[in-house]
Structures are given as C-alpha cells and as structure tokens.
Amino acid sequence: MIALKTILVPTDFSEPSRQALEYGRHFARQFRARLHVLHTVENVMIPGGAEVPVAAIQQVEQGLEAVAIRQMKESITADDRAMLDPVTVVRGARAAAIDIVEYALEHEIDLIVMGTHGRGALRHLLMGSVAERVVRSAPCPVLTVHAVERDFLQPDAMEAAASVRAT
C-alpha cells in the first residue's frame, strides 16, 4: 500500500509548474496528504564580476521574493486552503535543485511533483535541468510533469455530478 503523507510541488510559476500543482492537488486529496508548495528565489548573480553595491542586490532579491509571494498566493485556491491546509514557502537559495532536495529532507516529503520544460538538447546541455538534478538526488520518488503531455487526471465523481447539474 502506498502511503503519502506529504507532497511537495516546487514551482517557478510556469505552465509546467501549474500542471504539476494540479497533479499535486489531486494526489494530496486522494491520499489525504499535506501539500507543500515551494518557490526558490535563486540568489542574484552579477555577470562579469561587476562591482554592484550589496544593498542594490538585496533590493533586487527582495523584489523577486515579493513577486513570488504574490504569485504563490494567487496559485493557491480557496479549495486548497479548505481541504489541503497547504504549506506555502518562498525562500532564497543558491540553487533551486539543492533547495528542493534540502526542503524534502527537512520536511520528510513522501513525493515530489514538479514540472519540467522539456528543453532541447543544446539548451539542456548549457543550462542543465533542475528536475533532472532533483530526480538524481531526491530522498523520495519524483513525478515530473510536462505542460503538454497526456493528462491522466480525471474529475472525481462529485466534480462530474456538479458539472452535469450546472448545465
């Protein structure tokens, strides 16, 4: 028997992340698990070693965190709050993949559901893949979700009945 008590959905607020959040919601409801949604604001790196005042870098990072907090609030629905008691976290880190794995370890996450962009080979080689690094080092199973894949989420009987009554 599979027992999921905690599910983590890391998000960058992209379409694949939104799709992953849908999967995470469904798994959390089905298994009566606690949903954690994490956004990592990576530290701002100034290219070329340019000398920039620390206060300016901190201001940029604070602005990025403020935007992320707003987006996080918008991505969590009233149903999520009522049924899943979600944990939402926005925090800074050096690298998203490391932060996701550390968060999973700290909170004893049972499943990570995350979006993947499916970049081409050259972009993947140059940029790497956060999802791939998480899959390789996560302490639990990782389900990766593309925004444009075959969707196996089906409305449950209550949702289907409500939509029939509404028409």
Protein backbone atom coordinates (compact mmCIF):
# COMPACT_ATOMS: atom_id res chain seq x y z
CA MET A 1 0.00 0.00 0.00
CA ILE A 2 1.29 3.45 -0.88
CA ALA A 3 1.08 5.93 1.99
CA LEU A 4 1.66 9.54 1.06
CA LYS A 5 1.51 11.99 3.95
CA THR A 6 3.45 14.90 2.49
CA ILE A 7 3.64 16.04 -1.13
CA LEU A 8 5.95 18.77 -2.37
CA VAL A 9 5.31 20.79 -5.52
CA PRO A 10 8.25 23.06 -6.34
CA THR A 11 7.11 25.88 -8.60
CA ASP A 12 8.59 28.53 -10.84
CA PHE A 13 5.03 29.60 -11.80
CA SER A 14 5.47 28.39 -15.38
CA GLU A 15 2.88 26.34 -17.25
CA PRO A 16 4.60 23.02 -16.43
CA SER A 17 4.64 24.07 -12.75
CA ARG A 18 0.93 24.92 -12.86
CA GLN A 19 0.25 21.49 -14.32
CA ALA A 20 2.40 19.87 -11.62
CA LEU A 21 0.41 21.74 -8.97
CA GLU A 22 -2.80 20.24 -10.38
CA TYR A 23 -1.28 16.77 -10.06
CA GLY A 24 -0.04 17.56 -6.55
CA ARG A 25 -3.51 18.75 -5.52
CA HIS A 26 -5.14 15.57 -6.81
CA PHE A 27 -2.61 13.30 -5.10
CA ALA A 28 -2.95 15.25 -1.84
CA ARG A 29 -6.74 14.92 -1.93
CA GLN A 30 -6.67 11.25 -2.87
CA PHE A 31 -4.16 10.31 -0.16
CA ARG A 32 -5.28 12.95 2.36
CA ALA A 33 -1.73 14.24 2.33
CA ARG A 34 -0.38 17.65 3.29
CA LEU A 35 0.53 19.75 0.26
CA HIS A 36 3.74 21.79 0.35
CA VAL A 37 4.35 24.35 -2.41
CA LEU A 38 7.87 25.76 -2.63
CA HIS A 39 9.33 28.55 -4.73
CA THR A 40 13.06 29.15 -4.59
CA VAL A 41 14.33 32.61 -5.43
CA GLU A 42 17.87 31.99 -6.59
CA ASN A 43 20.48 34.44 -5.40
CA VAL A 44 21.15 37.22 -7.88
CA MET A 45 24.45 36.78 -9.65
CA ILE A 46 26.02 39.75 -11.40
CA PRO A 47 27.86 38.58 -14.54
CA GLY A 48 31.44 39.55 -15.22
CA GLY A 49 32.33 40.31 -11.62
CA ALA A 50 30.86 43.81 -11.85
CA GLU A 51 31.00 45.70 -8.60
CA VAL A 52 27.46 46.35 -7.51
CA PRO A 53 26.51 47.61 -4.06
CA VAL A 54 25.23 44.83 -1.79
CA ALA A 55 22.17 46.94 -0.99
CA ALA A 56 21.21 47.01 -4.69
CA ILE A 57 21.49 43.22 -4.96
CA GLN A 58 19.42 42.79 -1.80
CA GLN A 59 16.79 45.16 -3.17
CA VAL A 60 16.51 43.11 -6.38
CA GLU A 61 16.25 39.87 -4.40
CA GLN A 62 13.58 41.37 -2.11
CA GLY A 63 11.62 42.49 -5.17
CA LEU A 64 11.82 38.99 -6.66
CA GLU A 65 10.63 37.49 -3.36
CA ALA A 66 7.71 39.94 -3.17
CA VAL A 67 6.59 39.00 -6.69
CA ALA A 68 6.94 35.30 -5.85
CA ILE A 69 4.87 35.67 -2.67
CA ARG A 70 2.10 37.36 -4.68
CA GLN A 71 2.20 34.64 -7.34
CA MET A 72 2.16 31.95 -4.65
CA LYS A 73 -0.95 33.46 -3.06
CA GLU A 74 -2.64 33.54 -6.48
CA SER A 75 -1.78 29.89 -7.21
CA ILE A 76 -3.36 28.53 -4.02
CA THR A 77 -7.14 28.32 -4.26
CA ALA A 78 -9.78 28.61 -1.55
CA ASP A 79 -10.44 24.86 -2.01
CA ASP A 80 -6.75 24.21 -1.41
CA ARG A 81 -6.87 26.19 1.82
CA ALA A 82 -10.05 24.46 2.99
CA MET A 83 -9.20 20.87 2.02
CA LEU A 84 -5.41 20.59 1.98
CA ASP A 85 -4.13 23.09 4.56
CA PRO A 86 -1.20 23.82 2.24
CA VAL A 87 2.22 24.93 3.36
CA THR A 88 3.50 27.66 1.03
CA VAL A 89 7.13 28.69 1.15
CA VAL A 90 9.15 31.29 -0.74
CA ARG A 91 12.80 31.33 0.15
CA GLY A 92 16.15 32.30 -1.26
CA ALA A 93 18.88 29.83 -2.11
CA ARG A 94 21.99 29.41 -4.23
CA ALA A 95 20.44 26.76 -6.48
CA ALA A 96 16.84 25.60 -6.87
CA ALA A 97 17.62 21.87 -7.16
CA ILE A 98 19.67 21.86 -3.96
CA ASP A 99 16.98 23.82 -2.13
CA ILE A 100 14.21 21.46 -3.27
CA VAL A 101 16.13 18.37 -2.11
CA GLU A 102 17.03 20.01 1.22
CA TYR A 103 13.40 21.01 1.77
CA ALA A 104 12.27 17.45 1.01
CA LEU A 105 14.73 16.09 3.55
CA GLU A 106 13.84 18.68 6.22
CA HIS A 107 10.09 18.04 5.92
CA GLU A 108 10.13 14.28 5.29
CA ILE A 109 8.41 14.67 1.93
CA ASP A 110 6.99 11.42 0.51
CA LEU A 111 6.55 12.56 -3.12
CA ILE A 112 7.81 15.47 -5.20
CA VAL A 113 5.66 16.51 -8.16
CA MET A 114 7.38 19.02 -10.40
CA GLY A 115 7.09 20.49 -13.85
CA THR A 116 9.75 20.11 -16.47
CA HIS A 117 10.20 22.29 -19.52
CA GLY A 118 11.50 19.63 -21.89
CA ARG A 119 14.20 21.86 -23.36
CA GLY A 120 16.10 20.83 -26.45
CA ALA A 121 19.45 19.06 -26.17
CA LEU A 122 21.61 22.18 -26.62
CA ARG A 123 19.69 24.29 -24.07
CA HIS A 124 19.71 21.33 -21.68
CA LEU A 125 23.47 20.96 -22.09
CA LEU A 126 24.06 24.67 -21.47
CA MET A 127 21.51 25.24 -18.73
CA GLY A 128 21.00 21.81 -17.18
CA SER A 129 17.73 20.70 -15.73
CA VAL A 130 16.51 21.41 -12.21
CA ALA A 131 14.11 18.47 -12.49
CA GLU A 132 16.89 16.12 -13.57
CA ARG A 133 19.11 17.15 -10.66
CA VAL A 134 16.21 16.70 -8.22
CA VAL A 135 15.40 13.24 -9.63
CA ARG A 136 19.03 12.17 -9.17
CA SER A 137 19.34 13.31 -5.54
CA ALA A 138 15.84 13.40 -4.02
CA PRO A 139 15.16 11.32 -0.91
CA CYS A 140 11.78 10.24 -2.31
CA PRO A 141 10.06 9.49 -5.64
CA VAL A 142 9.76 12.38 -8.11
CA LEU A 143 6.98 12.69 -10.67
CA THR A 144 7.88 15.07 -13.50
CA VAL A 145 5.10 16.69 -15.47
CA HIS A 146 5.16 18.38 -18.88
CA ALA A 147 2.57 21.02 -19.69
CA VAL A 148 1.75 19.35 -22.99
CA GLU A 149 1.50 15.69 -22.12
CA ARG A 150 -1.31 13.19 -21.99
CA ASP A 151 -3.24 14.13 -18.91
CA PHE A 152 -4.41 11.28 -16.72
CA LEU A 153 -6.23 13.46 -14.21
CA GLN A 154 -9.94 12.85 -14.35
CA PRO A 155 -12.60 14.75 -12.42
CA ASP A 156 -13.87 12.79 -9.46
CA ALA A 157 -17.49 11.72 -9.24
CA MET A 158 -18.53 14.77 -7.15
CA GLU A 159 -16.99 17.21 -9.65
CA ALA A 160 -18.55 15.36 -12.59
CA ALA A 161 -22.00 15.36 -10.94
CA ALA A 162 -21.73 19.07 -10.12
CA SER A 163 -20.80 19.93 -13.71
CA VAL A 164 -23.76 17.89 -15.05
CA ARG A 165 -26.16 19.70 -12.69
CA ALA A 166 -24.75 23.08 -13.72
CA THR A 167 -25.57 22.54 -17.42
